[in-house]
Amino acid sequence: MRSPLFLLVTLVLLQVPLAGCGDDVDRYLADLGSRNPMVRLEAAKLARRVDEPRLAAALAPLLTDGSQDIRYNAAVSLAYIGTTEQVPVLIHALGDEDREVRLAVVDALGQLEDERAVPSLLAMLDTEPEPYSVIWALGNIGNDGSLDALTPMLDDDNRYVRYQSRRALLKIR
């Protein structure tokens, strides 16, 4: 087992930034607003390592970025550090043209457990060919309003839909 001193020396020598330091947050905030898409992308990826509401607020506008990779990573980071303040913009992002972005947004909404997302997630049940993530998010939010939509899914032909529906309903009840 390595000593704490060894780890500290390694971090200093490798110049690894310590997540959560004030300087890192300021740098990430600046990078999230950069005109360079590669800088925004990297900042969106790194932001999830720092639990800072200011970063969550700066990530929200990236959900409409022209780059699918940036939108996706902004949504993934919001799943980790987002607050309920980002729920309206996440709900809007459920209409993203890219399925991977939409699924990352669904995950973020499920993690945030905000009931405002329920109507939009229920609407997605009819449009997603494989609604497993949507079902999970509805179960995680735990709103009784999902019961009527999820209960018939217990008889779905797809066993994964049945499985996720059963798990979601157990969480809600």
C-alpha atoms as a PDB file:
ATOM      1  CA  MET A   1       0.000   0.000   0.000  1.00  0.00           C
ATOM      2  CA  ARG A   2       1.328   3.408  -0.970  1.00  0.00           C
ATOM      3  CA  SER A   3       1.803   6.053   1.663  1.00  0.00           C
ATOM      4  CA  PRO A   4      -0.154   9.337   1.538  1.00  0.00           C
ATOM      5  CA  LEU A   5       3.155  11.165   1.072  1.00  0.00           C
ATOM      6  CA  PHE A   6       3.907   9.075  -2.036  1.00  0.00           C
ATOM      7  CA  LEU A   7       0.502   9.979  -3.499  1.00  0.00           C
ATOM      8  CA  LEU A   8       0.983  13.678  -2.753  1.00  0.00           C
ATOM      9  CA  VAL A   9       4.434  13.698  -4.365  1.00  0.00           C
ATOM     10  CA  THR A  10       3.016  11.865  -7.398  1.00  0.00           C
ATOM     11  CA  LEU A  11       0.221  14.403  -7.783  1.00  0.00           C
ATOM     12  CA  VAL A  12       2.644  17.310  -7.548  1.00  0.00           C
ATOM     13  CA  LEU A  13       5.136  15.798  -9.975  1.00  0.00           C
ATOM     14  CA  LEU A  14       2.456  14.871 -12.496  1.00  0.00           C
ATOM     15  CA  GLN A  15       0.665  18.175 -11.957  1.00  0.00           C
ATOM     16  CA  VAL A  16      -2.694  16.438 -11.612  1.00  0.00           C
ATOM     17  CA  PRO A  17      -5.331  19.005 -10.682  1.00  0.00           C
ATOM     18  CA  LEU A  18      -7.248  18.278  -7.501  1.00  0.00           C
ATOM     19  CA  ALA A  19     -10.957  18.192  -8.326  1.00  0.00           C
ATOM     20  CA  GLY A  20     -12.933  20.781  -6.443  1.00  0.00           C
ATOM     21  CA  CYS A  21     -10.208  23.360  -6.062  1.00  0.00           C
ATOM     22  CA  GLY A  22     -11.395  26.902  -6.629  1.00  0.00           C
ATOM     23  CA  ASP A  23      -8.917  27.510  -9.447  1.00  0.00           C
ATOM     24  CA  ASP A  24     -10.222  24.418 -11.273  1.00  0.00           C
ATOM     25  CA  VAL A  25     -13.816  25.595 -10.997  1.00  0.00           C
ATOM     26  CA  ASP A  26     -12.922  29.016 -12.396  1.00  0.00           C
ATOM     27  CA  ARG A  27     -10.957  27.398 -15.220  1.00  0.00           C
ATOM     28  CA  TYR A  28     -13.826  24.997 -16.028  1.00  0.00           C
ATOM     29  CA  LEU A  29     -16.309  27.889 -16.023  1.00  0.00           C
ATOM     30  CA  ALA A  30     -14.159  29.783 -18.483  1.00  0.00           C
ATOM     31  CA  ASP A  31     -13.594  26.685 -20.629  1.00  0.00           C
ATOM     32  CA  LEU A  32     -17.311  25.841 -20.765  1.00  0.00           C
ATOM     33  CA  GLY A  33     -17.856  29.254 -22.357  1.00  0.00           C
ATOM     34  CA  SER A  34     -14.927  28.991 -24.755  1.00  0.00           C
ATOM     35  CA  ARG A  35     -15.373  29.631 -28.467  1.00  0.00           C
ATOM     36  CA  ASN A  36     -13.221  26.561 -29.138  1.00  0.00           C
ATOM     37  CA  PRO A  37     -15.441  23.451 -29.305  1.00  0.00           C
ATOM     38  CA  MET A  38     -12.628  21.122 -28.225  1.00  0.00           C
ATOM     39  CA  VAL A  39     -12.088  23.192 -25.076  1.00  0.00           C
ATOM     40  CA  ARG A  40     -15.851  23.147 -24.344  1.00  0.00           C
ATOM     41  CA  LEU A  41     -15.945  19.379 -24.904  1.00  0.00           C
ATOM     42  CA  GLU A  42     -13.080  18.682 -22.525  1.00  0.00           C
ATOM     43  CA  ALA A  43     -14.533  21.003 -19.890  1.00  0.00           C
ATOM     44  CA  ALA A  44     -17.935  19.305 -20.201  1.00  0.00           C
ATOM     45  CA  LYS A  45     -16.247  15.947 -19.590  1.00  0.00           C
ATOM     46  CA  LEU A  46     -14.184  17.143 -16.632  1.00  0.00           C
ATOM     47  CA  ALA A  47     -16.982  19.105 -14.967  1.00  0.00           C
ATOM     48  CA  ARG A  48     -18.652  15.941 -13.675  1.00  0.00           C
ATOM     49  CA  ARG A  49     -15.723  15.416 -11.335  1.00  0.00           C
ATOM     50  CA  VAL A  50     -16.436  18.625  -9.417  1.00  0.00           C
ATOM     51  CA  ASP A  51     -19.613  18.973  -7.388  1.00  0.00           C
ATOM     52  CA  GLU A  52     -20.197  22.662  -7.974  1.00  0.00           C
ATOM     53  CA  PRO A  53     -23.610  24.239  -8.747  1.00  0.00           C
ATOM     54  CA  ARG A  54     -21.966  27.024 -10.766  1.00  0.00           C
ATOM     55  CA  LEU A  55     -20.644  24.387 -13.183  1.00  0.00           C
ATOM     56  CA  ALA A  56     -24.102  22.839 -13.491  1.00  0.00           C
ATOM     57  CA  ALA A  57     -25.513  26.234 -14.446  1.00  0.00           C
ATOM     58  CA  ALA A  58     -22.733  26.701 -17.015  1.00  0.00           C
ATOM     59  CA  LEU A  59     -23.334  23.230 -18.496  1.00  0.00           C
ATOM     60  CA  ALA A  60     -27.039  23.819 -19.150  1.00  0.00           C
ATOM     61  CA  PRO A  61     -26.546  26.101 -22.189  1.00  0.00           C
ATOM     62  CA  LEU A  62     -24.299  23.444 -23.752  1.00  0.00           C
ATOM     63  CA  LEU A  63     -27.355  21.211 -24.183  1.00  0.00           C
ATOM     64  CA  THR A  64     -28.069  23.282 -27.299  1.00  0.00           C
ATOM     65  CA  ASP A  65     -24.487  23.316 -28.600  1.00  0.00           C
ATOM     66  CA  GLY A  66     -23.953  22.510 -32.271  1.00  0.00           C
ATOM     67  CA  SER A  67     -21.780  19.524 -31.370  1.00  0.00           C
ATOM     68  CA  GLN A  68     -23.479  16.249 -30.466  1.00  0.00           C
ATOM     69  CA  ASP A  69     -20.452  15.274 -28.349  1.00  0.00           C
ATOM     70  CA  ILE A  70     -20.679  18.463 -26.312  1.00  0.00           C
ATOM     71  CA  ARG A  71     -24.448  18.106 -25.803  1.00  0.00           C
ATOM     72  CA  TYR A  72     -24.002  14.479 -24.758  1.00  0.00           C
ATOM     73  CA  ASN A  73     -21.203  15.214 -22.279  1.00  0.00           C
ATOM     74  CA  ALA A  74     -23.063  18.190 -20.842  1.00  0.00           C
ATOM     75  CA  ALA A  75     -26.042  15.915 -20.160  1.00  0.00           C
ATOM     76  CA  VAL A  76     -23.850  13.204 -18.616  1.00  0.00           C
ATOM     77  CA  SER A  77     -22.167  15.749 -16.364  1.00  0.00           C
ATOM     78  CA  LEU A  78     -25.542  17.153 -15.325  1.00  0.00           C
ATOM     79  CA  ALA A  79     -26.529  13.637 -14.249  1.00  0.00           C
ATOM     80  CA  TYR A  80     -23.650  13.858 -11.763  1.00  0.00           C
ATOM     81  CA  ILE A  81     -23.696  17.490 -10.653  1.00  0.00           C
ATOM     82  CA  GLY A  82     -26.978  18.923 -11.883  1.00  0.00           C
ATOM     83  CA  THR A  83     -29.516  20.582  -9.647  1.00  0.00           C
ATOM     84  CA  THR A  84     -33.251  20.962 -10.047  1.00  0.00           C
ATOM     85  CA  GLU A  85     -32.563  24.378 -11.570  1.00  0.00           C
ATOM     86  CA  GLN A  86     -31.469  22.630 -14.784  1.00  0.00           C
ATOM     87  CA  VAL A  87     -34.652  20.514 -15.068  1.00  0.00           C
ATOM     88  CA  PRO A  88     -36.476  22.864 -17.495  1.00  0.00           C
ATOM     89  CA  VAL A  89     -33.556  22.960 -19.938  1.00  0.00           C
ATOM     90  CA  LEU A  90     -33.110  19.184 -19.611  1.00  0.00           C
ATOM     91  CA  ILE A  91     -36.802  18.663 -20.383  1.00  0.00           C
ATOM     92  CA  HIS A  92     -36.382  20.799 -23.476  1.00  0.00           C
ATOM     93  CA  ALA A  93     -33.326  18.714 -24.472  1.00  0.00           C
ATOM     94  CA  LEU A  94     -35.483  15.569 -24.535  1.00  0.00           C
ATOM     95  CA  GLY A  95     -36.323  16.694 -28.065  1.00  0.00           C
ATOM     96  CA  ASP A  96     -32.698  16.513 -29.209  1.00  0.00           C
ATOM     97  CA  GLU A  97     -32.228  15.003 -32.658  1.00  0.00           C
ATOM     98  CA  ASP A  98     -29.557  12.600 -31.390  1.00  0.00           C
ATOM     99  CA  ARG A  99     -30.767   9.509 -29.522  1.00  0.00           C
ATOM    100  CA  GLU A 100     -27.614   9.228 -27.375  1.00  0.00           C
ATOM    101  CA  VAL A 101     -28.061  12.813 -26.204  1.00  0.00           C
ATOM    102  CA  ARG A 102     -31.742  12.153 -25.436  1.00  0.00           C
ATOM    103  CA  LEU A 103     -30.855   9.060 -23.393  1.00  0.00           C
ATOM    104  CA  ALA A 104     -28.185  10.967 -21.454  1.00  0.00           C
ATOM    105  CA  VAL A 105     -30.808  13.639 -20.720  1.00  0.00           C
ATOM    106  CA  VAL A 106     -33.257  10.951 -19.567  1.00  0.00           C
ATOM    107  CA  ASP A 107     -30.579   9.638 -17.198  1.00  0.00           C
ATOM    108  CA  ALA A 108     -29.926  13.126 -15.832  1.00  0.00           C
ATOM    109  CA  LEU A 109     -33.638  13.688 -15.227  1.00  0.00           C
ATOM    110  CA  GLY A 110     -33.907  10.332 -13.487  1.00  0.00           C
ATOM    111  CA  GLN A 111     -30.950  11.178 -11.267  1.00  0.00           C
ATOM    112  CA  LEU A 112     -32.435  14.562 -10.351  1.00  0.00           C
ATOM    113  CA  GLU A 113     -35.765  12.929  -9.410  1.00  0.00           C
ATOM    114  CA  ASP A 114     -37.804  16.034 -10.225  1.00  0.00           C
ATOM    115  CA  GLU A 115     -41.496  15.397 -10.874  1.00  0.00           C
ATOM    116  CA  ARG A 116     -41.677  18.166 -13.478  1.00  0.00           C
ATOM    117  CA  ALA A 117     -40.038  15.727 -15.914  1.00  0.00           C
ATOM    118  CA  VAL A 118     -42.762  13.072 -15.619  1.00  0.00           C
ATOM    119  CA  PRO A 119     -45.146  14.317 -18.365  1.00  0.00           C
ATOM    120  CA  SER A 120     -42.322  14.618 -20.916  1.00  0.00           C
ATOM    121  CA  LEU A 121     -40.882  11.231 -19.974  1.00  0.00           C
ATOM    122  CA  LEU A 122     -44.323   9.633 -20.250  1.00  0.00           C
ATOM    123  CA  ALA A 123     -44.627  11.093 -23.754  1.00  0.00           C
ATOM    124  CA  MET A 124     -41.286   9.493 -24.651  1.00  0.00           C
ATOM    125  CA  LEU A 125     -42.567   6.024 -23.798  1.00  0.00           C
ATOM    126  CA  ASP A 126     -44.463   6.032 -27.106  1.00  0.00           C
ATOM    127  CA  THR A 127     -41.587   7.336 -29.212  1.00  0.00           C
ATOM    128  CA  GLU A 128     -38.549   5.419 -27.946  1.00  0.00           C
ATOM    129  CA  PRO A 129     -38.158   1.998 -29.581  1.00  0.00           C
ATOM    130  CA  GLU A 130     -36.295   0.725 -26.502  1.00  0.00           C
ATOM    131  CA  PRO A 131     -37.676   2.765 -23.583  1.00  0.00           C
ATOM    132  CA  TYR A 132     -35.660   1.066 -20.826  1.00  0.00           C
ATOM    133  CA  SER A 133     -33.966   4.277 -19.662  1.00  0.00           C
ATOM    134  CA  VAL A 134     -37.234   6.191 -19.725  1.00  0.00           C
ATOM    135  CA  ILE A 135     -38.913   3.513 -17.613  1.00  0.00           C
ATOM    136  CA  TRP A 136     -35.976   3.565 -15.171  1.00  0.00           C
ATOM    137  CA  ALA A 137     -36.141   7.370 -14.896  1.00  0.00           C
ATOM    138  CA  LEU A 138     -39.875   7.294 -14.210  1.00  0.00           C
ATOM    139  CA  GLY A 139     -39.328   4.681 -11.501  1.00  0.00           C
ATOM    140  CA  ASN A 140     -36.501   6.665  -9.973  1.00  0.00           C
ATOM    141  CA  ILE A 141     -38.616   9.819  -9.870  1.00  0.00           C
ATOM    142  CA  GLY A 142     -41.335   7.763  -8.202  1.00  0.00           C
ATOM    143  CA  ASN A 143     -44.391   9.780  -9.188  1.00  0.00           C
ATOM    144  CA  ASP A 144     -47.771   8.026  -8.927  1.00  0.00           C
ATOM    145  CA  GLY A 145     -48.736   9.588 -12.248  1.00  0.00           C
ATOM    146  CA  SER A 146     -46.535   7.019 -13.973  1.00  0.00           C
ATOM    147  CA  LEU A 147     -48.515   4.032 -12.694  1.00  0.00           C
ATOM    148  CA  ASP A 148     -51.139   4.042 -15.450  1.00  0.00           C
ATOM    149  CA  ALA A 149     -48.512   4.117 -18.196  1.00  0.00           C
ATOM    150  CA  LEU A 150     -46.141   1.573 -16.650  1.00  0.00           C
ATOM    151  CA  THR A 151     -48.634  -1.056 -15.466  1.00  0.00           C
ATOM    152  CA  PRO A 152     -49.634  -2.248 -18.975  1.00  0.00           C
ATOM    153  CA  MET A 153     -45.944  -2.592 -19.817  1.00  0.00           C
ATOM    154  CA  LEU A 154     -45.793  -5.568 -17.464  1.00  0.00           C
ATOM    155  CA  ASP A 155     -47.363  -7.537 -20.331  1.00  0.00           C
ATOM    156  CA  ASP A 156     -45.092  -6.183 -23.072  1.00  0.00           C
ATOM    157  CA  ASP A 157     -43.603  -8.647 -25.574  1.00  0.00           C
ATOM    158  CA  ASN A 158     -40.108  -7.394 -24.737  1.00  0.00           C
ATOM    159  CA  ARG A 159     -38.784  -9.017 -21.572  1.00  0.00           C
ATOM    160  CA  TYR A 160     -36.496  -6.060 -20.829  1.00  0.00           C
ATOM    161  CA  VAL A 161     -39.452  -3.693 -20.931  1.00  0.00           C
ATOM    162  CA  ARG A 162     -41.317  -6.024 -18.555  1.00  0.00           C
ATOM    163  CA  TYR A 163     -38.302  -6.226 -16.233  1.00  0.00           C
ATOM    164  CA  GLN A 164     -37.712  -2.439 -16.116  1.00  0.00           C
ATOM    165  CA  SER A 165     -41.429  -1.799 -15.667  1.00  0.00           C
ATOM    166  CA  ARG A 166     -41.615  -4.198 -12.753  1.00  0.00           C
ATOM    167  CA  ARG A 167     -38.620  -2.552 -11.073  1.00  0.00           C
ATOM    168  CA  ALA A 168     -40.015   0.938 -11.685  1.00  0.00           C
ATOM    169  CA  LEU A 169     -43.440   0.020 -10.312  1.00  0.00           C
ATOM    170  CA  LEU A 170     -41.879  -1.472  -7.180  1.00  0.00           C
ATOM    171  CA  LYS A 171     -40.042   1.798  -6.573  1.00  0.00           C
ATOM    172  CA  ILE A 172     -43.181   3.866  -7.071  1.00  0.00           C
ATOM    173  CA  ARG A 173     -45.480   1.762  -4.902  1.00  0.00           C
END
